[in-house]
Amino acid sequence: MWQKLFRQDSLAGARVRIYHIHGLPLLTAKGYRKSLLRWSEAAACRFATEVWCVSFSVRDEAVREGLCPSTKIRVLRSGSINGVDGREAFNPDRVGRAEGAEVRRAWGIDAGAPVVGFVGRIVRDKGVRELLEAWSLVRDRVPKARLMVVGDFEDQDSPGADAIEALKMDRSICLAGRVTSGMARFYAAMDVLALPTYREGFPVTVMEAASMGLPVVATRVPGCVDAVQDGVTGTLVPARDAEALADALGRYLLDQELRREHGAAGRARMMRDFGQAEMWAEVHAQYERLLQGSGSGGVAVCQ
């Protein structure tokens, strides 16, 4: 059945089939779900003529897991597939202190209070429980600090009722909810970004925050190791290690020069290696290459 569906002269007529790997959920899945995810990823890779991966570390995991041979899978430019708009949308020279100050006032945060930001789905896999544990340590060391959480609660992979209650009741935590536009203003209100995730593809929020000149504390897991240069643009800590997370966040909150240095290095890297226009141009060039060689069959893309 699968061979008939995906064979070269299939009804869709696509002689070139690109599969984009944006992440590998199977890395943290268990039991039947892990087996199903492994099978579906392997099938998609098998029937694709080319596999494009969002990051080098995820590519390596895909090969190590036996999902795709190394000769068939590639990473475009430095990774991420989409890049980040550091010239316009996430440019601290365009959206800076004034806009960040407005966000702080709206959420009742003092102008001089150090702010840790978290941006993403509020779920267990994003390390929300570890973030809360680390925050209790950070708050004791830096009493004026505030945690700004941007994102939605989700029923699937919930961090647990106790974690949700703690987030809602802690007066040092600002729950900003989901932000659909103007996200740069929220980064401008932060001093450091925390991403204690268990797995990633290539975290968009890290690219956005770095482009806005923020240092990032993330976990040493596939995806994050591509997005953060440890000791240069931020700090990588072990996954599920709340104490290490708290230590790293505390260092940034107490050292303004370190924040400035790593934040500036992060922005420079985003502009140099992850420009959105340059990434789109590379994707366009690859499609042109494939179209020229596909005859009348065309190109099919699956993500």
Protein backbone atom coordinates (compact mmCIF):
# COMPACT_ATOMS: atom_id res chain seq x y z
CA MET A 1 0.00 0.00 0.00
CA TRP A 2 2.68 2.51 1.04
CA GLN A 3 4.85 1.65 -1.95
CA LYS A 4 1.91 2.17 -4.28
CA LEU A 5 0.99 5.46 -2.63
CA PHE A 6 4.48 6.93 -2.66
CA ARG A 7 5.97 5.42 -5.81
CA GLN A 8 7.48 7.83 -8.31
CA ASP A 9 4.57 7.69 -10.73
CA SER A 10 1.95 8.15 -7.98
CA LEU A 11 -1.35 9.91 -8.61
CA ALA A 12 0.11 13.13 -7.19
CA GLY A 13 2.77 13.06 -9.87
CA ALA A 14 5.49 14.44 -7.58
CA ARG A 15 8.87 13.10 -8.60
CA VAL A 16 10.61 15.11 -5.89
CA ARG A 17 9.30 14.79 -2.34
CA ILE A 18 10.84 16.87 0.46
CA TYR A 19 10.22 16.02 4.09
CA HIS A 20 11.02 18.71 6.67
CA ILE A 21 12.01 17.51 10.14
CA HIS A 22 11.23 20.35 12.56
CA GLY A 23 11.77 18.23 15.66
CA LEU A 24 11.63 14.68 17.00
CA PRO A 25 8.85 14.22 19.59
CA LEU A 26 9.82 10.56 19.86
CA LEU A 27 12.92 11.56 21.85
CA THR A 28 10.80 12.18 24.96
CA ALA A 29 7.86 9.86 24.16
CA LYS A 30 7.34 6.48 25.81
CA GLY A 31 5.68 3.18 25.09
CA TYR A 32 3.22 2.84 22.21
CA ARG A 33 3.40 6.53 21.34
CA LYS A 34 7.18 6.36 20.92
CA SER A 35 6.86 3.33 18.63
CA LEU A 36 4.19 5.04 16.53
CA LEU A 37 6.23 8.24 16.22
CA ARG A 38 9.34 6.28 15.26
CA TRP A 39 7.42 4.38 12.58
CA SER A 40 5.83 7.51 11.10
CA GLU A 41 9.14 9.43 11.00
CA ALA A 42 10.95 6.51 9.40
CA ALA A 43 8.19 6.10 6.80
CA ALA A 44 8.22 9.80 5.93
CA CYS A 45 12.01 9.75 5.54
CA ARG A 46 11.94 6.56 3.49
CA PHE A 47 9.47 7.82 0.91
CA ALA A 48 10.96 11.30 0.65
CA THR A 49 13.57 11.91 -2.03
CA GLU A 50 15.22 14.57 0.18
CA VAL A 51 14.96 15.23 3.91
CA TRP A 52 15.68 18.73 5.24
CA CYS A 53 16.36 19.05 8.94
CA VAL A 54 15.91 22.11 11.11
CA SER A 55 19.21 21.71 12.98
CA PHE A 56 22.46 19.76 12.90
CA SER A 57 21.86 18.15 16.29
CA VAL A 58 18.39 16.92 15.31
CA ARG A 59 19.86 15.63 12.04
CA ASP A 60 22.41 13.66 14.02
CA GLU A 61 19.66 12.24 16.24
CA ALA A 62 17.60 11.21 13.21
CA VAL A 63 20.57 9.34 11.78
CA ARG A 64 21.48 7.81 15.15
CA GLU A 65 17.89 6.61 15.65
CA GLY A 66 17.98 4.94 12.24
CA LEU A 67 15.22 7.14 10.84
CA CYS A 68 17.16 8.37 7.83
CA PRO A 69 20.53 7.62 6.23
CA SER A 70 23.10 10.42 6.51
CA THR A 71 23.38 10.62 2.72
CA LYS A 72 19.73 11.65 2.37
CA ILE A 73 19.35 14.27 5.09
CA ARG A 74 20.69 17.82 5.05
CA VAL A 75 20.58 21.12 6.93
CA LEU A 76 20.21 24.35 4.95
CA ARG A 77 22.71 27.08 5.84
CA SER A 78 23.09 27.22 9.64
CA GLY A 79 19.71 25.65 10.34
CA SER A 80 16.21 26.76 11.43
CA ILE A 81 14.70 26.67 7.89
CA ASN A 82 12.84 29.97 8.50
CA GLY A 83 15.47 32.18 10.16
CA VAL A 84 14.64 35.32 12.12
CA ASP A 85 13.79 38.85 11.01
CA GLY A 86 16.46 40.75 12.93
CA ARG A 87 16.35 43.78 10.67
CA GLU A 88 12.72 44.75 11.25
CA ALA A 89 10.54 42.73 13.63
CA PHE A 90 13.18 41.76 16.21
CA ASN A 91 15.53 44.70 16.13
CA PRO A 92 16.25 46.36 19.52
CA ASP A 93 17.05 49.60 17.70
CA ARG A 94 13.46 49.67 16.43
CA VAL A 95 11.69 48.13 19.43
CA GLY A 96 13.66 49.00 22.52
CA ARG A 97 13.56 50.31 26.05
CA ALA A 98 10.50 52.56 25.66
CA GLU A 99 8.32 49.71 24.38
CA GLY A 100 9.72 47.35 27.01
CA ALA A 101 8.94 49.90 29.71
CA GLU A 102 5.33 50.07 28.53
CA VAL A 103 4.98 46.30 28.85
CA ARG A 104 6.49 46.42 32.34
CA ARG A 105 4.07 49.15 33.43
CA ALA A 106 1.13 47.19 32.02
CA TRP A 107 2.09 44.19 34.19
CA GLY A 108 3.04 46.16 37.27
CA ILE A 109 6.78 45.46 37.04
CA ASP A 110 9.13 48.10 38.45
CA ALA A 111 11.43 49.73 35.93
CA GLY A 112 14.53 48.51 37.76
CA ALA A 113 13.36 44.97 38.52
CA PRO A 114 15.35 42.22 36.76
CA VAL A 115 13.05 40.12 34.59
CA VAL A 116 13.43 36.50 33.50
CA GLY A 117 11.29 35.61 30.51
CA PHE A 118 9.80 32.32 29.36
CA VAL A 119 8.08 32.11 25.97
CA GLY A 120 6.35 28.97 24.81
CA ARG A 121 3.62 26.45 25.48
CA ILE A 122 3.12 25.95 29.21
CA VAL A 123 3.60 22.19 29.19
CA ARG A 124 5.74 19.61 30.94
CA ASP A 125 8.05 19.05 27.94
CA LYS A 126 9.08 22.71 28.03
CA GLY A 127 10.49 22.21 31.52
CA VAL A 128 7.85 24.27 33.28
CA ARG A 129 8.10 22.27 36.50
CA GLU A 130 11.87 22.79 36.61
CA LEU A 131 11.37 26.47 35.82
CA LEU A 132 9.10 26.84 38.84
CA GLU A 133 11.55 25.03 41.10
CA ALA A 134 14.41 27.15 39.83
CA TRP A 135 12.35 30.30 40.20
CA SER A 136 11.84 29.69 43.92
CA LEU A 137 15.65 29.69 44.28
CA VAL A 138 16.15 32.74 42.07
CA ARG A 139 13.46 34.68 43.93
CA ASP A 140 15.21 34.03 47.26
CA ARG A 141 18.55 35.24 45.89
CA VAL A 142 17.17 38.21 43.94
CA PRO A 143 13.98 39.30 45.77
CA LYS A 144 13.11 42.06 43.28
CA ALA A 145 13.26 39.69 40.29
CA ARG A 146 10.16 38.92 38.27
CA LEU A 147 9.29 36.03 35.96
CA MET A 148 7.26 36.85 32.84
CA VAL A 149 5.60 33.82 31.25
CA VAL A 150 4.30 34.28 27.70
CA GLY A 151 2.23 31.40 26.37
CA ASP A 152 -0.89 29.28 26.75
CA PHE A 153 -1.73 26.47 29.14
CA GLU A 154 -2.44 23.25 27.25
CA ASP A 155 -4.34 20.18 28.40
CA GLN A 156 -2.08 17.77 26.55
CA ASP A 157 1.22 17.29 28.41
CA SER A 158 0.01 19.56 31.23
CA PRO A 159 2.68 20.49 33.80
CA GLY A 160 0.23 19.38 36.50
CA ALA A 161 -2.44 21.06 38.59
CA ASP A 162 0.03 21.96 41.32
CA ALA A 163 2.35 23.72 38.85
CA ILE A 164 -0.53 25.62 37.28
CA GLU A 165 -1.72 26.74 40.69
CA ALA A 166 1.79 27.86 41.65
CA LEU A 167 2.13 29.90 38.47
CA LYS A 168 -1.19 31.62 39.10
CA MET A 169 -0.68 32.32 42.79
CA ASP A 170 2.94 33.54 42.84
CA ARG A 171 2.84 37.34 42.85
CA SER A 172 6.35 37.53 41.43
CA ILE A 173 5.18 35.76 38.26
CA CYS A 174 3.39 37.59 35.43
CA LEU A 175 1.25 35.37 33.22
CA ALA A 176 1.02 37.32 29.98
CA GLY A 177 -0.89 34.65 28.07
CA ARG A 178 -0.52 34.14 24.34
CA VAL A 179 0.90 37.05 22.35
CA THR A 180 -0.07 36.98 18.68
CA SER A 181 1.65 40.20 17.59
CA GLY A 182 4.20 42.65 18.92
CA MET A 183 6.25 39.95 20.62
CA ALA A 184 9.40 42.08 20.36
CA ARG A 185 7.94 44.45 23.00
CA PHE A 186 7.88 41.61 25.51
CA TYR A 187 11.47 40.63 24.81
CA ALA A 188 12.37 44.29 25.31
CA ALA A 189 10.87 44.03 28.80
CA MET A 190 13.07 41.05 29.71
CA ASP A 191 16.69 40.78 30.83
CA VAL A 192 17.28 37.09 30.11
CA LEU A 193 15.30 34.28 28.48
CA ALA A 194 14.89 30.84 30.07
CA LEU A 195 14.09 27.74 28.03
CA PRO A 196 14.43 24.62 30.23
CA THR A 197 12.93 22.37 27.56
CA TYR A 198 13.39 18.60 27.26
CA ARG A 199 13.59 18.64 23.45
CA GLU A 200 13.52 21.09 20.55
CA GLY A 201 13.95 21.26 16.81
CA PHE A 202 15.44 24.73 16.54
CA PRO A 203 13.73 27.01 19.09
CA VAL A 204 12.24 30.09 17.44
CA THR A 205 11.95 31.91 20.74
CA VAL A 206 15.73 31.65 21.24
CA MET A 207 16.34 33.21 17.83
CA GLU A 208 13.90 36.01 18.56
CA ALA A 209 15.28 36.73 22.02
CA ALA A 210 18.90 36.62 20.84
CA SER A 211 18.03 38.91 17.95
CA MET A 212 16.65 41.34 20.54
CA GLY A 213 19.98 41.23 22.39
CA LEU A 214 19.00 38.91 25.25
CA PRO A 215 21.24 36.18 26.67
CA VAL A 216 19.55 32.79 26.83
CA VAL A 217 19.69 30.03 29.42
CA ALA A 218 18.59 26.79 27.78
CA THR A 219 19.03 23.08 28.25
CA ARG A 220 21.77 21.03 26.63
CA VAL A 221 19.42 19.08 24.35
CA PRO A 222 19.13 18.68 20.56
CA GLY A 223 18.02 21.95 18.99
CA CYS A 224 19.08 24.16 21.87
CA VAL A 225 22.75 23.27 21.40
CA ASP A 226 22.49 24.75 17.90
CA ALA A 227 20.65 27.89 18.99
CA VAL A 228 22.83 28.82 22.00
CA GLN A 229 26.61 29.03 22.06
CA ASP A 230 27.45 28.07 25.62
CA GLY A 231 29.44 30.78 27.36
CA VAL A 232 29.18 33.09 24.33
CA THR A 233 25.52 33.91 23.61
CA GLY A 234 24.08 32.27 26.71
CA THR A 235 24.41 29.28 29.00
CA LEU A 236 23.47 25.64 28.50
CA VAL A 237 22.46 23.60 31.55
CA PRO A 238 21.48 19.93 31.96
CA ALA A 239 17.82 19.14 31.30
CA ARG A 240 15.64 18.60 34.39
CA ASP A 241 18.23 20.29 36.64
CA ALA A 242 16.46 23.12 38.46
CA GLU A 243 19.46 24.06 40.57
CA ALA A 244 21.75 24.50 37.56
CA LEU A 245 19.03 26.53 35.86
CA ALA A 246 18.67 28.78 38.91
CA ASP A 247 22.44 29.29 39.15
CA ALA A 248 22.70 30.34 35.51
CA LEU A 249 19.73 32.70 35.70
CA GLY A 250 21.05 34.21 38.91
CA ARG A 251 24.42 34.96 37.32
CA TYR A 252 22.78 36.97 34.56
CA LEU A 253 20.43 38.83 36.87
CA LEU A 254 23.31 39.90 39.10
CA ASP A 255 25.81 40.71 36.34
CA GLN A 256 24.66 43.44 33.97
CA GLU A 257 27.91 43.37 31.98
CA LEU A 258 27.59 39.61 31.37
CA ARG A 259 24.04 40.15 30.14
CA ARG A 260 25.21 42.87 27.78
CA GLU A 261 28.17 40.86 26.47
CA HIS A 262 26.26 37.63 25.78
CA GLY A 263 23.23 39.49 24.47
CA ALA A 264 25.33 41.44 21.97
CA ALA A 265 27.08 38.25 20.85
CA GLY A 266 23.72 36.55 20.38
CA ARG A 267 22.36 39.34 18.20
CA ALA A 268 25.53 39.42 16.10
CA ARG A 269 25.25 35.66 15.54
CA MET A 270 21.59 35.86 14.54
CA MET A 271 22.31 38.60 12.04
CA ARG A 272 25.32 36.78 10.62
CA ASP A 273 24.04 33.19 10.43
CA PHE A 274 20.24 33.17 10.70
CA GLY A 275 18.94 36.08 8.65
CA GLN A 276 15.42 35.38 7.43
CA ALA A 277 15.91 36.88 3.97
CA GLU A 278 19.06 34.83 3.44
CA MET A 279 17.36 31.64 4.59
CA TRP A 280 14.37 32.22 2.32
CA ALA A 281 16.73 32.83 -0.58
CA GLU A 282 18.47 29.52 0.12
CA VAL A 283 15.16 27.63 0.27
CA HIS A 284 14.09 29.26 -3.00
CA ALA A 285 17.38 28.30 -4.63
CA GLN A 286 16.95 24.68 -3.52
CA TYR A 287 13.41 24.55 -4.91
CA GLU A 288 14.66 25.96 -8.21
CA ARG A 289 17.36 23.27 -8.31
CA LEU A 290 14.84 20.53 -7.66
CA LEU A 291 12.28 21.88 -10.14
CA GLN A 292 14.87 21.98 -12.90
CA GLY A 293 15.60 18.32 -12.37
CA SER A 294 12.05 17.09 -11.76
CA GLY A 295 10.75 17.30 -15.29
CA SER A 296 6.97 17.58 -15.27
CA GLY A 297 6.60 15.85 -11.94
CA GLY A 298 6.89 18.89 -9.66
CA VAL A 299 7.89 19.04 -6.00
CA ALA A 300 5.86 17.94 -2.97
CA VAL A 301 6.72 19.25 0.50
CA CYS A 302 5.68 17.61 3.77
CA GLN A 303 6.33 19.14 7.20
